[in-house]
């Protein structure tokens, strides 16, 4: 009987240990199963101890994996900053900065200048934006807002701000 109990505890332990993201559901299942199926106190204590031990070990393993993945992502983001900056500069320097930039221009820029990529990571992992078009649209939108501000001020107050973002009359 002792061998059967040990094998059953090993099954519980391994199912929790290799449960991955569903580990919480698996622990919940084993706790409920133990409450309703085990009537001997000493077996319940052993089983709850196995569940607790497996949970704590699997949690520490999962934490180590999360930390390692975060470090890997941060290193990739740091390595990606320079190619991203070069790509954005290359795209934006081809624009006419004296007039409004249409949002459709972003698609044209993406076609002419394919975005950089890094193996093993999505664009969202590296930049926080879901698509390259969103990363390119941010500076275009900022420029359009600043241009609108300058045109509005020139018409209303007779001056053009040199730095619209930090101008005291920005609203």
C-alpha atoms as a PDB file:
ATOM      1  CA  UNK A   1       0.000   0.000   0.000  1.00  0.00           C
ATOM      2  CA  UNK A   2       2.875   2.391   0.730  1.00  0.00           C
ATOM      3  CA  UNK A   3       4.126   2.084  -2.854  1.00  0.00           C
ATOM      4  CA  UNK A   4       0.695   3.010  -4.211  1.00  0.00           C
ATOM      5  CA  UNK A   5       0.509   6.063  -1.943  1.00  0.00           C
ATOM      6  CA  UNK A   6       3.994   7.190  -2.993  1.00  0.00           C
ATOM      7  CA  UNK A   7       3.220   6.711  -6.691  1.00  0.00           C
ATOM      8  CA  UNK A   8      -0.034   8.663  -6.279  1.00  0.00           C
ATOM      9  CA  UNK A   9       1.827  11.477  -4.493  1.00  0.00           C
ATOM     10  CA  UNK A  10       4.367  11.516  -7.349  1.00  0.00           C
ATOM     11  CA  UNK A  11       1.521  11.849  -9.879  1.00  0.00           C
ATOM     12  CA  UNK A  12       0.080  14.798  -7.935  1.00  0.00           C
ATOM     13  CA  UNK A  13       3.496  16.400  -7.503  1.00  0.00           C
ATOM     14  CA  UNK A  14       4.432  16.084 -11.183  1.00  0.00           C
ATOM     15  CA  UNK A  15       1.041  17.267 -12.432  1.00  0.00           C
ATOM     16  CA  UNK A  16       1.415  20.457 -10.394  1.00  0.00           C
ATOM     17  CA  UNK A  17       5.095  20.899 -11.218  1.00  0.00           C
ATOM     18  CA  UNK A  18       4.551  20.633 -14.983  1.00  0.00           C
ATOM     19  CA  UNK A  19       1.143  22.326 -14.985  1.00  0.00           C
ATOM     20  CA  UNK A  20       2.544  25.568 -16.380  1.00  0.00           C
ATOM     21  CA  UNK A  21       0.055  28.413 -16.535  1.00  0.00           C
ATOM     22  CA  UNK A  22      -2.765  26.103 -15.408  1.00  0.00           C
ATOM     23  CA  UNK A  23      -0.968  25.267 -12.178  1.00  0.00           C
ATOM     24  CA  UNK A  24      -3.533  27.104 -10.027  1.00  0.00           C
ATOM     25  CA  UNK A  25      -6.423  25.155 -11.531  1.00  0.00           C
ATOM     26  CA  UNK A  26      -4.550  21.882 -11.028  1.00  0.00           C
ATOM     27  CA  UNK A  27      -3.856  22.703  -7.375  1.00  0.00           C
ATOM     28  CA  UNK A  28      -7.512  23.617  -6.908  1.00  0.00           C
ATOM     29  CA  UNK A  29      -8.561  20.314  -8.460  1.00  0.00           C
ATOM     30  CA  UNK A  30      -6.258  18.289  -6.194  1.00  0.00           C
ATOM     31  CA  UNK A  31      -7.384  20.164  -3.072  1.00  0.00           C
ATOM     32  CA  UNK A  32     -11.067  19.569  -3.858  1.00  0.00           C
ATOM     33  CA  UNK A  33     -10.361  15.967  -4.839  1.00  0.00           C
ATOM     34  CA  UNK A  34      -8.498  15.404  -1.564  1.00  0.00           C
ATOM     35  CA  UNK A  35     -11.314  16.914   0.502  1.00  0.00           C
ATOM     36  CA  UNK A  36     -13.996  14.745  -1.105  1.00  0.00           C
ATOM     37  CA  UNK A  37     -12.093  11.518  -1.770  1.00  0.00           C
ATOM     38  CA  UNK A  38      -9.600  11.002   1.078  1.00  0.00           C
ATOM     39  CA  UNK A  39     -11.189  10.079   4.367  1.00  0.00           C
ATOM     40  CA  UNK A  40      -8.118   8.960   6.312  1.00  0.00           C
ATOM     41  CA  UNK A  41      -6.567  11.898   8.144  1.00  0.00           C
ATOM     42  CA  UNK A  42      -2.974  10.772   7.694  1.00  0.00           C
ATOM     43  CA  UNK A  43      -3.458  10.366   3.925  1.00  0.00           C
ATOM     44  CA  UNK A  44      -5.058  13.821   3.704  1.00  0.00           C
ATOM     45  CA  UNK A  45      -2.139  15.370   5.577  1.00  0.00           C
ATOM     46  CA  UNK A  46       0.356  13.656   3.271  1.00  0.00           C
ATOM     47  CA  UNK A  47      -1.586  14.718   0.186  1.00  0.00           C
ATOM     48  CA  UNK A  48      -1.979  18.354   1.304  1.00  0.00           C
ATOM     49  CA  UNK A  49       1.740  18.399   2.135  1.00  0.00           C
ATOM     50  CA  UNK A  50       2.529  17.100  -1.353  1.00  0.00           C
ATOM     51  CA  UNK A  51       0.276  19.749  -2.904  1.00  0.00           C
ATOM     52  CA  UNK A  52       1.890  22.521  -0.845  1.00  0.00           C
ATOM     53  CA  UNK A  53       5.421  21.328  -1.614  1.00  0.00           C
ATOM     54  CA  UNK A  54       4.708  21.015  -5.343  1.00  0.00           C
ATOM     55  CA  UNK A  55       3.076  24.457  -5.414  1.00  0.00           C
ATOM     56  CA  UNK A  56       6.000  26.156  -3.678  1.00  0.00           C
ATOM     57  CA  UNK A  57       8.621  24.459  -5.878  1.00  0.00           C
ATOM     58  CA  UNK A  58       6.716  25.159  -9.093  1.00  0.00           C
ATOM     59  CA  UNK A  59       6.167  28.778  -8.046  1.00  0.00           C
ATOM     60  CA  UNK A  60       9.903  29.311  -7.522  1.00  0.00           C
ATOM     61  CA  UNK A  61      10.660  27.693 -10.896  1.00  0.00           C
ATOM     62  CA  UNK A  62       8.028  29.883 -12.597  1.00  0.00           C
ATOM     63  CA  UNK A  63       9.445  33.004 -10.927  1.00  0.00           C
ATOM     64  CA  UNK A  64      12.945  32.175 -12.159  1.00  0.00           C
ATOM     65  CA  UNK A  65      11.586  31.676 -15.679  1.00  0.00           C
ATOM     66  CA  UNK A  66       9.717  34.995 -15.578  1.00  0.00           C
ATOM     67  CA  UNK A  67      12.814  36.850 -14.373  1.00  0.00           C
ATOM     68  CA  UNK A  68      14.991  35.229 -17.057  1.00  0.00           C
ATOM     69  CA  UNK A  69      12.433  36.069 -19.771  1.00  0.00           C
ATOM     70  CA  UNK A  70      12.193  39.660 -18.528  1.00  0.00           C
ATOM     71  CA  UNK A  71      15.977  40.036 -18.625  1.00  0.00           C
ATOM     72  CA  UNK A  72      16.073  38.559 -22.121  1.00  0.00           C
ATOM     73  CA  UNK A  73      13.343  40.949 -23.275  1.00  0.00           C
ATOM     74  CA  UNK A  74      15.097  43.968 -21.714  1.00  0.00           C
ATOM     75  CA  UNK A  75      18.383  43.026 -23.400  1.00  0.00           C
ATOM     76  CA  UNK A  76      16.594  42.676 -26.740  1.00  0.00           C
ATOM     77  CA  UNK A  77      14.852  46.038 -26.263  1.00  0.00           C
ATOM     78  CA  UNK A  78      18.186  47.695 -25.492  1.00  0.00           C
ATOM     79  CA  UNK A  79      19.771  46.147 -28.584  1.00  0.00           C
ATOM     80  CA  UNK A  80      16.752  47.162 -30.673  1.00  0.00           C
ATOM     81  CA  UNK A  81      16.727  50.848 -29.654  1.00  0.00           C
ATOM     82  CA  UNK A  82      19.424  51.915 -32.104  1.00  0.00           C
ATOM     83  CA  UNK A  83      17.985  50.126 -35.191  1.00  0.00           C
ATOM     84  CA  UNK A  84      14.543  51.476 -34.250  1.00  0.00           C
ATOM     85  CA  UNK A  85      15.856  55.030 -33.928  1.00  0.00           C
ATOM     86  CA  UNK A  86      17.703  54.757 -37.260  1.00  0.00           C
ATOM     87  CA  UNK A  87      14.576  53.402 -38.954  1.00  0.00           C
ATOM     88  CA  UNK A  88      12.356  56.151 -37.541  1.00  0.00           C
ATOM     89  CA  UNK A  89      14.883  58.827 -38.517  1.00  0.00           C
ATOM     90  CA  UNK A  90      15.173  57.382 -42.020  1.00  0.00           C
ATOM     91  CA  UNK A  91      11.404  57.349 -42.433  1.00  0.00           C
ATOM     92  CA  UNK A  92      10.784  60.780 -40.957  1.00  0.00           C
ATOM     93  CA  UNK A  93      13.588  62.626 -42.757  1.00  0.00           C
ATOM     94  CA  UNK A  94      11.915  61.909 -46.091  1.00  0.00           C
ATOM     95  CA  UNK A  95       8.805  63.857 -45.047  1.00  0.00           C
ATOM     96  CA  UNK A  96       8.018  67.438 -45.992  1.00  0.00           C
ATOM     97  CA  UNK A  97       8.069  69.246 -42.643  1.00  0.00           C
ATOM     98  CA  UNK A  98       6.419  72.392 -43.961  1.00  0.00           C
ATOM     99  CA  UNK A  99       2.941  70.955 -44.312  1.00  0.00           C
ATOM    100  CA  UNK A 100       0.460  68.584 -42.728  1.00  0.00           C
ATOM    101  CA  UNK A 101       1.417  64.893 -42.920  1.00  0.00           C
ATOM    102  CA  UNK A 102      -1.482  62.640 -43.846  1.00  0.00           C
ATOM    103  CA  UNK A 103      -1.954  59.405 -41.896  1.00  0.00           C
ATOM    104  CA  UNK A 104      -1.886  57.458 -45.170  1.00  0.00           C
ATOM    105  CA  UNK A 105       1.728  58.563 -45.568  1.00  0.00           C
ATOM    106  CA  UNK A 106       2.649  56.046 -42.878  1.00  0.00           C
ATOM    107  CA  UNK A 107       1.700  53.133 -45.155  1.00  0.00           C
ATOM    108  CA  UNK A 108       3.814  54.595 -47.940  1.00  0.00           C
ATOM    109  CA  UNK A 109       6.760  54.988 -45.573  1.00  0.00           C
ATOM    110  CA  UNK A 110       6.387  51.398 -44.364  1.00  0.00           C
ATOM    111  CA  UNK A 111       6.430  50.137 -47.935  1.00  0.00           C
ATOM    112  CA  UNK A 112       9.507  52.184 -48.835  1.00  0.00           C
ATOM    113  CA  UNK A 113      11.357  51.491 -45.551  1.00  0.00           C
ATOM    114  CA  UNK A 114      10.654  48.056 -44.070  1.00  0.00           C
ATOM    115  CA  UNK A 115      10.903  48.083 -40.272  1.00  0.00           C
ATOM    116  CA  UNK A 116      13.761  46.295 -38.506  1.00  0.00           C
ATOM    117  CA  UNK A 117      13.059  42.961 -36.849  1.00  0.00           C
ATOM    118  CA  UNK A 118      14.649  40.836 -34.173  1.00  0.00           C
ATOM    119  CA  UNK A 119      14.346  37.065 -34.151  1.00  0.00           C
ATOM    120  CA  UNK A 120      12.329  35.627 -31.308  1.00  0.00           C
ATOM    121  CA  UNK A 121      10.422  38.801 -30.437  1.00  0.00           C
ATOM    122  CA  UNK A 122       7.323  40.484 -31.762  1.00  0.00           C
ATOM    123  CA  UNK A 123       7.157  44.191 -32.535  1.00  0.00           C
ATOM    124  CA  UNK A 124       5.011  44.660 -29.419  1.00  0.00           C
ATOM    125  CA  UNK A 125       7.624  42.994 -27.201  1.00  0.00           C
ATOM    126  CA  UNK A 126      10.308  45.369 -28.425  1.00  0.00           C
ATOM    127  CA  UNK A 127       8.466  48.677 -28.736  1.00  0.00           C
ATOM    128  CA  UNK A 128       5.217  48.423 -26.797  1.00  0.00           C
ATOM    129  CA  UNK A 129       3.269  49.192 -29.985  1.00  0.00           C
ATOM    130  CA  UNK A 130       1.310  46.421 -31.633  1.00  0.00           C
ATOM    131  CA  UNK A 131       2.376  47.290 -35.192  1.00  0.00           C
ATOM    132  CA  UNK A 132       5.232  49.230 -36.828  1.00  0.00           C
ATOM    133  CA  UNK A 133       2.648  51.626 -38.263  1.00  0.00           C
ATOM    134  CA  UNK A 134       1.681  52.674 -34.725  1.00  0.00           C
ATOM    135  CA  UNK A 135       5.315  53.406 -33.863  1.00  0.00           C
ATOM    136  CA  UNK A 136       5.632  55.556 -36.966  1.00  0.00           C
ATOM    137  CA  UNK A 137       2.284  57.241 -36.476  1.00  0.00           C
ATOM    138  CA  UNK A 138       3.273  58.645 -33.044  1.00  0.00           C
ATOM    139  CA  UNK A 139       5.901  61.137 -34.302  1.00  0.00           C
ATOM    140  CA  UNK A 140       3.698  62.015 -37.283  1.00  0.00           C
ATOM    141  CA  UNK A 141       0.812  62.822 -34.939  1.00  0.00           C
ATOM    142  CA  UNK A 142       3.094  64.857 -32.657  1.00  0.00           C
ATOM    143  CA  UNK A 143       4.367  66.832 -35.656  1.00  0.00           C
ATOM    144  CA  UNK A 144       0.831  67.461 -36.912  1.00  0.00           C
ATOM    145  CA  UNK A 145      -0.275  68.667 -33.472  1.00  0.00           C
ATOM    146  CA  UNK A 146       2.686  71.031 -33.247  1.00  0.00           C
ATOM    147  CA  UNK A 147       2.058  72.311 -36.781  1.00  0.00           C
ATOM    148  CA  UNK A 148      -1.614  72.865 -36.001  1.00  0.00           C
ATOM    149  CA  UNK A 149      -0.638  74.771 -32.863  1.00  0.00           C
ATOM    150  CA  UNK A 150       1.786  76.982 -34.770  1.00  0.00           C
ATOM    151  CA  UNK A 151      -0.720  77.741 -37.526  1.00  0.00           C
ATOM    152  CA  UNK A 152      -3.423  78.507 -34.979  1.00  0.00           C
ATOM    153  CA  UNK A 153      -1.138  80.839 -33.053  1.00  0.00           C
ATOM    154  CA  UNK A 154       0.074  82.592 -36.172  1.00  0.00           C
ATOM    155  CA  UNK A 155      -3.521  83.283 -37.140  1.00  0.00           C
ATOM    156  CA  UNK A 156      -4.764  84.278 -33.689  1.00  0.00           C
ATOM    157  CA  UNK A 157      -1.792  85.907 -31.999  1.00  0.00           C
ATOM    158  CA  UNK A 158       0.509  86.855 -34.834  1.00  0.00           C
ATOM    159  CA  UNK A 159       3.485  84.660 -33.831  1.00  0.00           C
ATOM    160  CA  UNK A 160       4.834  81.215 -34.610  1.00  0.00           C
ATOM    161  CA  UNK A 161       6.138  79.235 -31.630  1.00  0.00           C
ATOM    162  CA  UNK A 162       9.657  77.892 -31.969  1.00  0.00           C
ATOM    163  CA  UNK A 163       8.881  74.998 -29.643  1.00  0.00           C
ATOM    164  CA  UNK A 164       5.158  74.362 -29.700  1.00  0.00           C
ATOM    165  CA  UNK A 165       5.292  71.521 -27.216  1.00  0.00           C
ATOM    166  CA  UNK A 166       6.772  73.733 -24.477  1.00  0.00           C
ATOM    167  CA  UNK A 167       4.995  76.956 -25.451  1.00  0.00           C
ATOM    168  CA  UNK A 168       3.093  78.671 -22.649  1.00  0.00           C
ATOM    169  CA  UNK A 169       0.086  79.158 -24.912  1.00  0.00           C
ATOM    170  CA  UNK A 170      -0.292  75.429 -25.717  1.00  0.00           C
ATOM    171  CA  UNK A 171      -3.758  74.232 -24.813  1.00  0.00           C
END
